[in-house]
C-alpha atoms as a PDB file:
ATOM      1  CA  UNK A   1     -31.451  -4.630   7.948  1.00  0.00           C
ATOM      2  CA  UNK A   2     -28.850  -3.492   5.421  1.00  0.00           C
ATOM      3  CA  UNK A   3     -26.366  -6.017   4.072  1.00  0.00           C
ATOM      4  CA  UNK A   4     -23.194  -5.434   6.106  1.00  0.00           C
ATOM      5  CA  UNK A   5     -19.769  -6.682   5.036  1.00  0.00           C
ATOM      6  CA  UNK A   6     -17.916  -9.131   7.237  1.00  0.00           C
ATOM      7  CA  UNK A   7     -14.227  -8.587   7.908  1.00  0.00           C
ATOM      8  CA  UNK A   8     -11.993 -11.656   7.837  1.00  0.00           C
ATOM      9  CA  UNK A   9      -8.458 -11.555   9.192  1.00  0.00           C
ATOM     10  CA  UNK A  10      -5.917 -13.949   7.688  1.00  0.00           C
ATOM     11  CA  UNK A  11      -2.700 -14.442   9.631  1.00  0.00           C
ATOM     12  CA  UNK A  12       0.140 -14.671   7.120  1.00  0.00           C
ATOM     13  CA  UNK A  13       2.383 -17.028   9.036  1.00  0.00           C
ATOM     14  CA  UNK A  14       4.114 -20.378   8.739  1.00  0.00           C
ATOM     15  CA  UNK A  15       3.170 -21.457  12.257  1.00  0.00           C
ATOM     16  CA  UNK A  16      -0.584 -22.017  11.772  1.00  0.00           C
ATOM     17  CA  UNK A  17      -3.341 -22.745   9.243  1.00  0.00           C
ATOM     18  CA  UNK A  18      -1.006 -24.473   6.759  1.00  0.00           C
ATOM     19  CA  UNK A  19      -2.550 -27.482   5.020  1.00  0.00           C
ATOM     20  CA  UNK A  20      -0.155 -30.396   4.973  1.00  0.00           C
ATOM     21  CA  UNK A  21      -2.642 -33.056   3.858  1.00  0.00           C
ATOM     22  CA  UNK A  22      -3.110 -31.878   0.302  1.00  0.00           C
ATOM     23  CA  UNK A  23      -6.097 -33.998  -0.740  1.00  0.00           C
ATOM     24  CA  UNK A  24      -7.931 -34.059   2.577  1.00  0.00           C
ATOM     25  CA  UNK A  25      -7.534 -30.491   3.794  1.00  0.00           C
ATOM     26  CA  UNK A  26      -6.493 -28.087   1.105  1.00  0.00           C
ATOM     27  CA  UNK A  27      -7.737 -28.107  -2.412  1.00  0.00           C
ATOM     28  CA  UNK A  28     -11.427 -27.348  -2.804  1.00  0.00           C
ATOM     29  CA  UNK A  29     -11.388 -26.806  -6.551  1.00  0.00           C
ATOM     30  CA  UNK A  30     -11.106 -30.374  -7.786  1.00  0.00           C
ATOM     31  CA  UNK A  31     -11.714 -33.834  -6.362  1.00  0.00           C
ATOM     32  CA  UNK A  32      -8.653 -35.094  -8.208  1.00  0.00           C
ATOM     33  CA  UNK A  33      -5.149 -34.400  -6.913  1.00  0.00           C
ATOM     34  CA  UNK A  34      -3.575 -31.549  -8.857  1.00  0.00           C
ATOM     35  CA  UNK A  35       0.066 -31.946  -9.813  1.00  0.00           C
ATOM     36  CA  UNK A  36       2.674 -29.328 -10.555  1.00  0.00           C
ATOM     37  CA  UNK A  37       4.038 -29.183 -14.093  1.00  0.00           C
ATOM     38  CA  UNK A  38       7.269 -30.719 -12.814  1.00  0.00           C
ATOM     39  CA  UNK A  39       5.340 -33.860 -11.832  1.00  0.00           C
ATOM     40  CA  UNK A  40       5.554 -33.365  -8.081  1.00  0.00           C
ATOM     41  CA  UNK A  41       2.534 -33.164  -5.807  1.00  0.00           C
ATOM     42  CA  UNK A  42       1.509 -29.632  -4.906  1.00  0.00           C
ATOM     43  CA  UNK A  43       3.306 -28.211  -1.881  1.00  0.00           C
ATOM     44  CA  UNK A  44       1.611 -26.888   1.280  1.00  0.00           C
ATOM     45  CA  UNK A  45      -0.597 -23.845   1.241  1.00  0.00           C
ATOM     46  CA  UNK A  46      -2.712 -21.782   3.615  1.00  0.00           C
ATOM     47  CA  UNK A  47      -6.146 -23.357   3.905  1.00  0.00           C
ATOM     48  CA  UNK A  48      -8.356 -21.884   1.157  1.00  0.00           C
ATOM     49  CA  UNK A  49     -11.030 -19.307   1.911  1.00  0.00           C
ATOM     50  CA  UNK A  50     -14.580 -19.037   0.621  1.00  0.00           C
ATOM     51  CA  UNK A  51     -16.147 -15.638   1.225  1.00  0.00           C
ATOM     52  CA  UNK A  52     -19.115 -13.574   0.127  1.00  0.00           C
ATOM     53  CA  UNK A  53     -18.829 -10.804  -2.435  1.00  0.00           C
ATOM     54  CA  UNK A  54     -18.416  -7.570  -0.493  1.00  0.00           C
ATOM     55  CA  UNK A  55     -16.651  -9.126   2.495  1.00  0.00           C
ATOM     56  CA  UNK A  56     -13.419  -7.485   3.618  1.00  0.00           C
ATOM     57  CA  UNK A  57     -10.204  -9.508   3.737  1.00  0.00           C
ATOM     58  CA  UNK A  58      -7.263  -8.300   5.814  1.00  0.00           C
ATOM     59  CA  UNK A  59      -3.783  -9.870   5.787  1.00  0.00           C
ATOM     60  CA  UNK A  60      -1.664  -9.695   8.934  1.00  0.00           C
ATOM     61  CA  UNK A  61       1.975 -10.759   8.692  1.00  0.00           C
ATOM     62  CA  UNK A  62       3.965 -11.975  11.674  1.00  0.00           C
ATOM     63  CA  UNK A  63       7.062  -9.928  12.691  1.00  0.00           C
ATOM     64  CA  UNK A  64       9.513 -12.666  11.659  1.00  0.00           C
ATOM     65  CA  UNK A  65       8.462 -12.128   8.022  1.00  0.00           C
ATOM     66  CA  UNK A  66       9.137  -8.396   7.986  1.00  0.00           C
ATOM     67  CA  UNK A  67      12.749  -8.927   6.968  1.00  0.00           C
ATOM     68  CA  UNK A  68      13.376  -9.450   4.154  1.00  0.00           C
ATOM     69  CA  UNK A  69      10.456  -7.408   2.899  1.00  0.00           C
ATOM     70  CA  UNK A  70       7.659  -9.368   1.254  1.00  0.00           C
ATOM     71  CA  UNK A  71       4.525  -8.660  -0.747  1.00  0.00           C
ATOM     72  CA  UNK A  72       1.646 -10.671  -2.184  1.00  0.00           C
ATOM     73  CA  UNK A  73       1.109 -11.191  -5.889  1.00  0.00           C
ATOM     74  CA  UNK A  74      -1.963 -12.237  -7.827  1.00  0.00           C
ATOM     75  CA  UNK A  75      -1.039 -15.100 -10.177  1.00  0.00           C
ATOM     76  CA  UNK A  76      -2.689 -17.620 -12.466  1.00  0.00           C
ATOM     77  CA  UNK A  77      -3.741 -21.052 -11.248  1.00  0.00           C
ATOM     78  CA  UNK A  78      -0.811 -22.651 -13.056  1.00  0.00           C
ATOM     79  CA  UNK A  79       1.672 -20.259 -11.433  1.00  0.00           C
ATOM     80  CA  UNK A  80       0.021 -20.891  -8.074  1.00  0.00           C
ATOM     81  CA  UNK A  81       0.479 -24.654  -8.443  1.00  0.00           C
ATOM     82  CA  UNK A  82       4.131 -24.273  -9.454  1.00  0.00           C
ATOM     83  CA  UNK A  83       4.733 -21.342  -7.073  1.00  0.00           C
ATOM     84  CA  UNK A  84       6.075 -19.112  -9.836  1.00  0.00           C
ATOM     85  CA  UNK A  85       6.146 -15.332  -9.666  1.00  0.00           C
ATOM     86  CA  UNK A  86       6.255 -13.007 -12.631  1.00  0.00           C
ATOM     87  CA  UNK A  87       8.724 -10.281 -11.750  1.00  0.00           C
ATOM     88  CA  UNK A  88       7.660  -8.194 -14.757  1.00  0.00           C
ATOM     89  CA  UNK A  89       4.060  -7.675 -13.620  1.00  0.00           C
ATOM     90  CA  UNK A  90       4.236  -5.325 -10.666  1.00  0.00           C
ATOM     91  CA  UNK A  91       0.639  -4.315 -11.327  1.00  0.00           C
ATOM     92  CA  UNK A  92      -0.312  -7.722  -9.927  1.00  0.00           C
ATOM     93  CA  UNK A  93       1.112  -6.890  -6.511  1.00  0.00           C
ATOM     94  CA  UNK A  94      -1.677  -6.664  -3.935  1.00  0.00           C
ATOM     95  CA  UNK A  95      -0.168  -3.863  -1.866  1.00  0.00           C
ATOM     96  CA  UNK A  96       1.509  -0.643  -2.894  1.00  0.00           C
ATOM     97  CA  UNK A  97       3.986  -1.027  -0.074  1.00  0.00           C
ATOM     98  CA  UNK A  98       5.668  -4.048   1.433  1.00  0.00           C
ATOM     99  CA  UNK A  99       3.602  -6.320   3.648  1.00  0.00           C
ATOM    100  CA  UNK A 100       4.262  -5.284   7.240  1.00  0.00           C
ATOM    101  CA  UNK A 101       1.636  -5.584   9.940  1.00  0.00           C
ATOM    102  CA  UNK A 102      -1.993  -5.620   8.738  1.00  0.00           C
ATOM    103  CA  UNK A 103      -3.152  -4.605   5.266  1.00  0.00           C
ATOM    104  CA  UNK A 104      -6.597  -4.749   3.657  1.00  0.00           C
ATOM    105  CA  UNK A 105      -6.926  -6.412   0.259  1.00  0.00           C
ATOM    106  CA  UNK A 106      -8.498  -3.988  -2.210  1.00  0.00           C
ATOM    107  CA  UNK A 107     -11.886  -4.961  -3.685  1.00  0.00           C
ATOM    108  CA  UNK A 108     -10.599  -5.392  -7.308  1.00  0.00           C
ATOM    109  CA  UNK A 109      -8.695  -8.480  -6.067  1.00  0.00           C
ATOM    110  CA  UNK A 110     -11.892  -9.874  -4.552  1.00  0.00           C
ATOM    111  CA  UNK A 111     -14.292  -9.993  -7.475  1.00  0.00           C
ATOM    112  CA  UNK A 112     -16.473 -13.072  -8.052  1.00  0.00           C
ATOM    113  CA  UNK A 113     -14.320 -16.094  -8.848  1.00  0.00           C
ATOM    114  CA  UNK A 114     -11.188 -17.772  -7.485  1.00  0.00           C
ATOM    115  CA  UNK A 115      -8.051 -15.712  -6.910  1.00  0.00           C
ATOM    116  CA  UNK A 116      -4.536 -17.028  -6.298  1.00  0.00           C
ATOM    117  CA  UNK A 117      -2.111 -15.111  -4.093  1.00  0.00           C
ATOM    118  CA  UNK A 118       1.523 -16.071  -3.476  1.00  0.00           C
ATOM    119  CA  UNK A 119       4.294 -14.551  -1.350  1.00  0.00           C
ATOM    120  CA  UNK A 120       7.023 -12.752  -3.283  1.00  0.00           C
ATOM    121  CA  UNK A 121      10.284 -11.200  -2.168  1.00  0.00           C
ATOM    122  CA  UNK A 122      13.292  -9.691  -3.886  1.00  0.00           C
ATOM    123  CA  UNK A 123      15.812 -12.409  -3.002  1.00  0.00           C
ATOM    124  CA  UNK A 124      16.397 -15.563  -1.003  1.00  0.00           C
ATOM    125  CA  UNK A 125      14.391 -18.794  -0.762  1.00  0.00           C
ATOM    126  CA  UNK A 126      10.721 -18.619  -1.622  1.00  0.00           C
ATOM    127  CA  UNK A 127       8.274 -18.582   1.273  1.00  0.00           C
ATOM    128  CA  UNK A 128       5.696 -19.735  -1.225  1.00  0.00           C
ATOM    129  CA  UNK A 129       7.230 -23.215  -1.310  1.00  0.00           C
ATOM    130  CA  UNK A 130       6.849 -23.369   2.470  1.00  0.00           C
ATOM    131  CA  UNK A 131       3.110 -22.816   2.203  1.00  0.00           C
ATOM    132  CA  UNK A 132       2.680 -19.031   2.224  1.00  0.00           C
ATOM    133  CA  UNK A 133       0.197 -18.948  -0.621  1.00  0.00           C
ATOM    134  CA  UNK A 134      -3.574 -18.665  -0.567  1.00  0.00           C
ATOM    135  CA  UNK A 135      -6.477 -19.181  -2.933  1.00  0.00           C
ATOM    136  CA  UNK A 136      -9.664 -17.230  -2.209  1.00  0.00           C
ATOM    137  CA  UNK A 137     -13.014 -18.040  -3.794  1.00  0.00           C
ATOM    138  CA  UNK A 138     -15.457 -15.144  -3.804  1.00  0.00           C
ATOM    139  CA  UNK A 139     -19.133 -16.007  -4.222  1.00  0.00           C
ATOM    140  CA  UNK A 140     -22.308 -14.008  -4.630  1.00  0.00           C
ATOM    141  CA  UNK A 141     -24.995 -14.400  -1.997  1.00  0.00           C
ATOM    142  CA  UNK A 142     -28.693 -14.882  -2.801  1.00  0.00           C
ATOM    143  CA  UNK A 143     -30.001 -14.702   0.755  1.00  0.00           C
ATOM    144  CA  UNK A 144     -31.939 -11.417   0.633  1.00  0.00           C
ATOM    145  CA  UNK A 145     -35.051 -10.411  -1.284  1.00  0.00           C
ATOM    146  CA  UNK A 146     -33.693  -6.847  -1.204  1.00  0.00           C
ATOM    147  CA  UNK A 147     -30.716  -5.035   0.315  1.00  0.00           C
ATOM    148  CA  UNK A 148     -32.961  -3.762   3.113  1.00  0.00           C
ATOM    149  CA  UNK A 149     -34.372  -7.199   4.011  1.00  0.00           C
ATOM    150  CA  UNK A 150     -33.022  -9.521   6.673  1.00  0.00           C
ATOM    151  CA  UNK A 151     -30.803 -12.438   5.691  1.00  0.00           C
ATOM    152  CA  UNK A 152     -32.998 -15.496   5.052  1.00  0.00           C
ATOM    153  CA  UNK A 153     -35.962 -13.589   6.540  1.00  0.00           C
ATOM    154  CA  UNK A 154     -34.473 -14.282   9.969  1.00  0.00           C
ATOM    155  CA  UNK A 155     -35.493 -17.949   9.694  1.00  0.00           C
ATOM    156  CA  UNK A 156     -32.301 -19.562   8.405  1.00  0.00           C
ATOM    157  CA  UNK A 157     -28.602 -19.193   7.675  1.00  0.00           C
ATOM    158  CA  UNK A 158     -26.803 -17.933   4.593  1.00  0.00           C
ATOM    159  CA  UNK A 159     -24.339 -20.713   3.772  1.00  0.00           C
ATOM    160  CA  UNK A 160     -22.435 -22.260   0.896  1.00  0.00           C
ATOM    161  CA  UNK A 161     -21.218 -25.722   0.016  1.00  0.00           C
ATOM    162  CA  UNK A 162     -17.656 -26.335  -1.116  1.00  0.00           C
ATOM    163  CA  UNK A 163     -18.783 -27.113  -4.666  1.00  0.00           C
ATOM    164  CA  UNK A 164     -21.525 -24.468  -4.832  1.00  0.00           C
ATOM    165  CA  UNK A 165     -20.991 -21.270  -6.812  1.00  0.00           C
ATOM    166  CA  UNK A 166     -23.125 -19.090  -4.525  1.00  0.00           C
ATOM    167  CA  UNK A 167     -24.300 -18.567  -0.961  1.00  0.00           C
ATOM    168  CA  UNK A 168     -27.945 -19.494  -0.392  1.00  0.00           C
ATOM    169  CA  UNK A 169     -30.433 -19.813   2.461  1.00  0.00           C
ATOM    170  CA  UNK A 170     -30.634 -22.973   4.543  1.00  0.00           C
ATOM    171  CA  UNK A 171     -34.005 -22.763   6.280  1.00  0.00           C
ATOM    172  CA  UNK A 172     -34.757 -23.800   9.833  1.00  0.00           C
ATOM    173  CA  UNK A 173     -38.029 -25.751  10.380  1.00  0.00           C
ATOM    174  CA  UNK A 174     -40.854 -24.993   9.942  1.00  0.00           C
ATOM    175  CA  UNK A 175     -39.786 -22.472   7.261  1.00  0.00           C
ATOM    176  CA  UNK A 176     -38.856 -23.043   3.636  1.00  0.00           C
ATOM    177  CA  UNK A 177     -38.513 -21.164   0.356  1.00  0.00           C
ATOM    178  CA  UNK A 178     -35.650 -19.376  -1.370  1.00  0.00           C
ATOM    179  CA  UNK A 179     -35.440 -16.793   1.414  1.00  0.00           C
ATOM    180  CA  UNK A 180     -36.984 -18.943   4.211  1.00  0.00           C
ATOM    181  CA  UNK A 181     -40.040 -16.723   3.859  1.00  0.00           C
ATOM    182  CA  UNK A 182     -42.656 -19.472   3.682  1.00  0.00           C
ATOM    183  CA  UNK A 183     -44.112 -21.397   6.579  1.00  0.00           C
ATOM    184  CA  UNK A 184     -43.834 -25.127   5.951  1.00  0.00           C
ATOM    185  CA  UNK A 185     -46.963 -26.421   7.713  1.00  0.00           C
ATOM    186  CA  UNK A 186     -46.086 -30.002   6.747  1.00  0.00           C
ATOM    187  CA  UNK A 187     -43.007 -29.946   8.958  1.00  0.00           C
ATOM    188  CA  UNK A 188     -45.329 -30.602  11.908  1.00  0.00           C
ATOM    189  CA  UNK A 189     -46.505 -33.836  10.225  1.00  0.00           C
ATOM    190  CA  UNK A 190     -50.221 -33.134  10.668  1.00  0.00           C
ATOM    191  CA  UNK A 191     -51.405 -35.971   8.378  1.00  0.00           C
ATOM    192  CA  UNK A 192     -52.082 -39.143  10.377  1.00  0.00           C
ATOM    193  CA  UNK A 193     -52.096 -42.765   9.220  1.00  0.00           C
ATOM    194  CA  UNK A 194     -49.308 -42.224   6.652  1.00  0.00           C
ATOM    195  CA  UNK A 195     -51.227 -39.501   4.844  1.00  0.00           C
ATOM    196  CA  UNK A 196     -49.337 -37.323   2.345  1.00  0.00           C
ATOM    197  CA  UNK A 197     -48.991 -33.663   3.327  1.00  0.00           C
ATOM    198  CA  UNK A 198     -49.031 -30.987   0.612  1.00  0.00           C
ATOM    199  CA  UNK A 199     -48.148 -27.393   1.481  1.00  0.00           C
ATOM    200  CA  UNK A 200     -50.646 -24.761   0.394  1.00  0.00           C
ATOM    201  CA  UNK A 201     -48.477 -21.873   1.652  1.00  0.00           C
ATOM    202  CA  UNK A 202     -51.495 -20.455   3.485  1.00  0.00           C
ATOM    203  CA  UNK A 203     -53.249 -19.474   0.245  1.00  0.00           C
ATOM    204  CA  UNK A 204     -55.977 -22.091  -0.013  1.00  0.00           C
ATOM    205  CA  UNK A 205     -56.879 -22.715   3.592  1.00  0.00           C
ATOM    206  CA  UNK A 206     -56.052 -21.374   7.017  1.00  0.00           C
ATOM    207  CA  UNK A 207     -53.939 -24.305   8.102  1.00  0.00           C
ATOM    208  CA  UNK A 208     -51.745 -23.987   4.994  1.00  0.00           C
ATOM    209  CA  UNK A 209     -51.706 -27.671   4.067  1.00  0.00           C
ATOM    210  CA  UNK A 210     -53.790 -30.463   2.582  1.00  0.00           C
ATOM    211  CA  UNK A 211     -53.702 -34.145   3.494  1.00  0.00           C
ATOM    212  CA  UNK A 212     -53.967 -36.807   0.799  1.00  0.00           C
ATOM    213  CA  UNK A 213     -55.328 -39.826   2.673  1.00  0.00           C
ATOM    214  CA  UNK A 214     -54.897 -43.524   1.957  1.00  0.00           C
ATOM    215  CA  UNK A 215     -58.070 -45.592   2.094  1.00  0.00           C
ATOM    216  CA  UNK A 216     -59.966 -46.195   4.304  1.00  0.00           C
ATOM    217  CA  UNK A 217     -58.921 -42.960   6.030  1.00  0.00           C
ATOM    218  CA  UNK A 218     -60.446 -39.555   5.397  1.00  0.00           C
ATOM    219  CA  UNK A 219     -60.870 -36.162   7.052  1.00  0.00           C
ATOM    220  CA  UNK A 220     -58.707 -33.048   7.301  1.00  0.00           C
ATOM    221  CA  UNK A 221     -55.845 -34.942   8.977  1.00  0.00           C
ATOM    222  CA  UNK A 222     -56.691 -38.484   7.757  1.00  0.00           C
ATOM    223  CA  UNK A 223     -57.875 -39.328  11.262  1.00  0.00           C
ATOM    224  CA  UNK A 224     -61.384 -40.452  10.287  1.00  0.00           C
ATOM    225  CA  UNK A 225     -62.380 -43.754   8.681  1.00  0.00           C
ATOM    226  CA  UNK A 226     -64.541 -44.037   5.584  1.00  0.00           C
ATOM    227  CA  UNK A 227     -67.780 -45.888   6.286  1.00  0.00           C
ATOM    228  CA  UNK A 228     -67.524 -45.602  10.056  1.00  0.00           C
ATOM    229  CA  UNK A 229     -68.469 -42.151  11.330  1.00  0.00           C
ATOM    230  CA  UNK A 230     -71.223 -41.449   8.829  1.00  0.00           C
ATOM    231  CA  UNK A 231     -74.446 -39.511   9.625  1.00  0.00           C
ATOM    232  CA  UNK A 232     -76.883 -41.414  11.904  1.00  0.00           C
ATOM    233  CA  UNK A 233     -74.251 -43.983  12.940  1.00  0.00           C
ATOM    234  CA  UNK A 234     -74.221 -42.296  16.327  1.00  0.00           C
ATOM    235  CA  UNK A 235     -77.624 -40.881  17.198  1.00  0.00           C
ATOM    236  CA  UNK A 236     -77.728 -37.552  19.012  1.00  0.00           C
ATOM    237  CA  UNK A 237     -74.015 -37.320  19.680  1.00  0.00           C
ATOM    238  CA  UNK A 238     -70.469 -37.254  18.268  1.00  0.00           C
ATOM    239  CA  UNK A 239     -68.735 -40.172  16.593  1.00  0.00           C
ATOM    240  CA  UNK A 240     -65.020 -40.825  16.974  1.00  0.00           C
ATOM    241  CA  UNK A 241     -62.901 -43.409  15.187  1.00  0.00           C
ATOM    242  CA  UNK A 242     -60.606 -45.661  17.184  1.00  0.00           C
ATOM    243  CA  UNK A 243     -59.304 -48.109  14.547  1.00  0.00           C
ATOM    244  CA  UNK A 244     -60.347 -49.214  11.058  1.00  0.00           C
ATOM    245  CA  UNK A 245     -62.941 -51.583  12.515  1.00  0.00           C
ATOM    246  CA  UNK A 246     -63.980 -49.728  15.642  1.00  0.00           C
ATOM    247  CA  UNK A 247     -65.670 -46.481  16.572  1.00  0.00           C
ATOM    248  CA  UNK A 248     -67.069 -44.947  19.701  1.00  0.00           C
ATOM    249  CA  UNK A 249     -70.207 -42.900  20.265  1.00  0.00           C
ATOM    250  CA  UNK A 250     -70.043 -40.182  22.879  1.00  0.00           C
ATOM    251  CA  UNK A 251     -73.571 -39.971  24.280  1.00  0.00           C
ATOM    252  CA  UNK A 252     -75.239 -37.140  26.120  1.00  0.00           C
ATOM    253  CA  UNK A 253     -78.099 -37.440  28.605  1.00  0.00           C
ATOM    254  CA  UNK A 254     -80.556 -39.057  28.476  1.00  0.00           C
ATOM    255  CA  UNK A 255     -79.085 -41.181  25.672  1.00  0.00           C
ATOM    256  CA  UNK A 256     -76.836 -44.202  26.161  1.00  0.00           C
ATOM    257  CA  UNK A 257     -75.783 -47.400  24.496  1.00  0.00           C
ATOM    258  CA  UNK A 258     -73.223 -48.236  21.842  1.00  0.00           C
ATOM    259  CA  UNK A 259     -74.857 -45.950  19.300  1.00  0.00           C
ATOM    260  CA  UNK A 260     -76.693 -43.655  21.696  1.00  0.00           C
ATOM    261  CA  UNK A 261     -80.010 -45.245  20.795  1.00  0.00           C
ATOM    262  CA  UNK A 262     -81.228 -46.054  24.324  1.00  0.00           C
ATOM    263  CA  UNK A 263     -83.182 -43.661  26.549  1.00  0.00           C
ATOM    264  CA  UNK A 264     -83.537 -44.047  30.287  1.00  0.00           C
ATOM    265  CA  UNK A 265     -86.578 -42.261  31.685  1.00  0.00           C
ATOM    266  CA  UNK A 266     -87.471 -41.558  35.305  1.00  0.00           C
ATOM    267  CA  UNK A 267     -91.178 -40.872  35.616  1.00  0.00           C
ATOM    268  CA  UNK A 268     -94.616 -42.225  36.501  1.00  0.00           C
ATOM    269  CA  UNK A 269     -95.699 -45.440  34.831  1.00  0.00           C
ATOM    270  CA  UNK A 270     -98.433 -43.829  32.705  1.00  0.00           C
ATOM    271  CA  UNK A 271     -96.298 -41.016  31.386  1.00  0.00           C
ATOM    272  CA  UNK A 272     -93.365 -43.317  30.813  1.00  0.00           C
ATOM    273  CA  UNK A 273     -95.557 -45.616  28.770  1.00  0.00           C
ATOM    274  CA  UNK A 274     -96.533 -42.783  26.468  1.00  0.00           C
ATOM    275  CA  UNK A 275     -92.908 -41.671  26.230  1.00  0.00           C
ATOM    276  CA  UNK A 276     -91.787 -45.177  25.236  1.00  0.00           C
ATOM    277  CA  UNK A 277     -94.446 -45.265  22.516  1.00  0.00           C
ATOM    278  CA  UNK A 278     -92.866 -42.147  21.075  1.00  0.00           C
ATOM    279  CA  UNK A 279     -89.435 -43.801  21.284  1.00  0.00           C
ATOM    280  CA  UNK A 280     -90.791 -46.828  19.474  1.00  0.00           C
ATOM    281  CA  UNK A 281     -91.954 -44.676  16.554  1.00  0.00           C
ATOM    282  CA  UNK A 282     -88.441 -43.202  16.398  1.00  0.00           C
ATOM    283  CA  UNK A 283     -86.911 -46.679  16.396  1.00  0.00           C
ATOM    284  CA  UNK A 284     -85.243 -46.046  19.761  1.00  0.00           C
ATOM    285  CA  UNK A 285     -85.021 -48.361  22.754  1.00  0.00           C
ATOM    286  CA  UNK A 286     -86.659 -47.214  25.962  1.00  0.00           C
ATOM    287  CA  UNK A 287     -85.804 -48.219  29.503  1.00  0.00           C
ATOM    288  CA  UNK A 288     -87.879 -47.087  32.472  1.00  0.00           C
ATOM    289  CA  UNK A 289     -86.564 -46.553  35.962  1.00  0.00           C
ATOM    290  CA  UNK A 290     -89.142 -45.946  38.735  1.00  0.00           C
END
């Protein structure tokens, strides 16, 4: 899957997407309120954009702005705050012709970093002061191991935070890693009794994790109890822990009893007597049913 650019369309209009609440909605560059050099709070602006490097940005102007003719100019942050245009730097104009309809912003204006665009026109009141200005932050993405690989290995989303300088993978459980390429076996919480799960990334064992157990628990998933299900606790069958102080023996025929140490025999008296003598030598209890 080749990295494909996303096209974003920005409507250049005064009727929508204008931030009026300066601190709450607009400025993403600083937690403190920025002030213009004249001492007044910054005027409205189009809500800022954050895009990936390589994305395509198109500007579409509404018909009411076609007369008088307008264009967009790249300015410094200070000029953006004070809404000042430099009429001597035509090389900073975004479009070779006047803005009418939809135009695509050329890639040189969308390099990594924050860019400040304001509306300029030959005469009359400035639309910039009404909010027709935009700052665009372009960020690199680190969501692919290679250009041919899928974003976040197909197990997450390529996102950015307002204060982050890049786009990165946000993995969906049970995956983790820089590119969401690793299976996080611990996300299933396999360790019982408050055991600590450590990912082994499938390299050390098949299940891909190891449980660090708190005493008195033990076993692969901390489900067994130290000192309970030891060899010969349950004779001839399986031992299972119930609580710290209790266990259960699962007996198979002909064994029975709490620890599977009793044998019920169904036979003639003489043969059963011999059989019970054998049980006695094995330290087992013998019960005869005729």
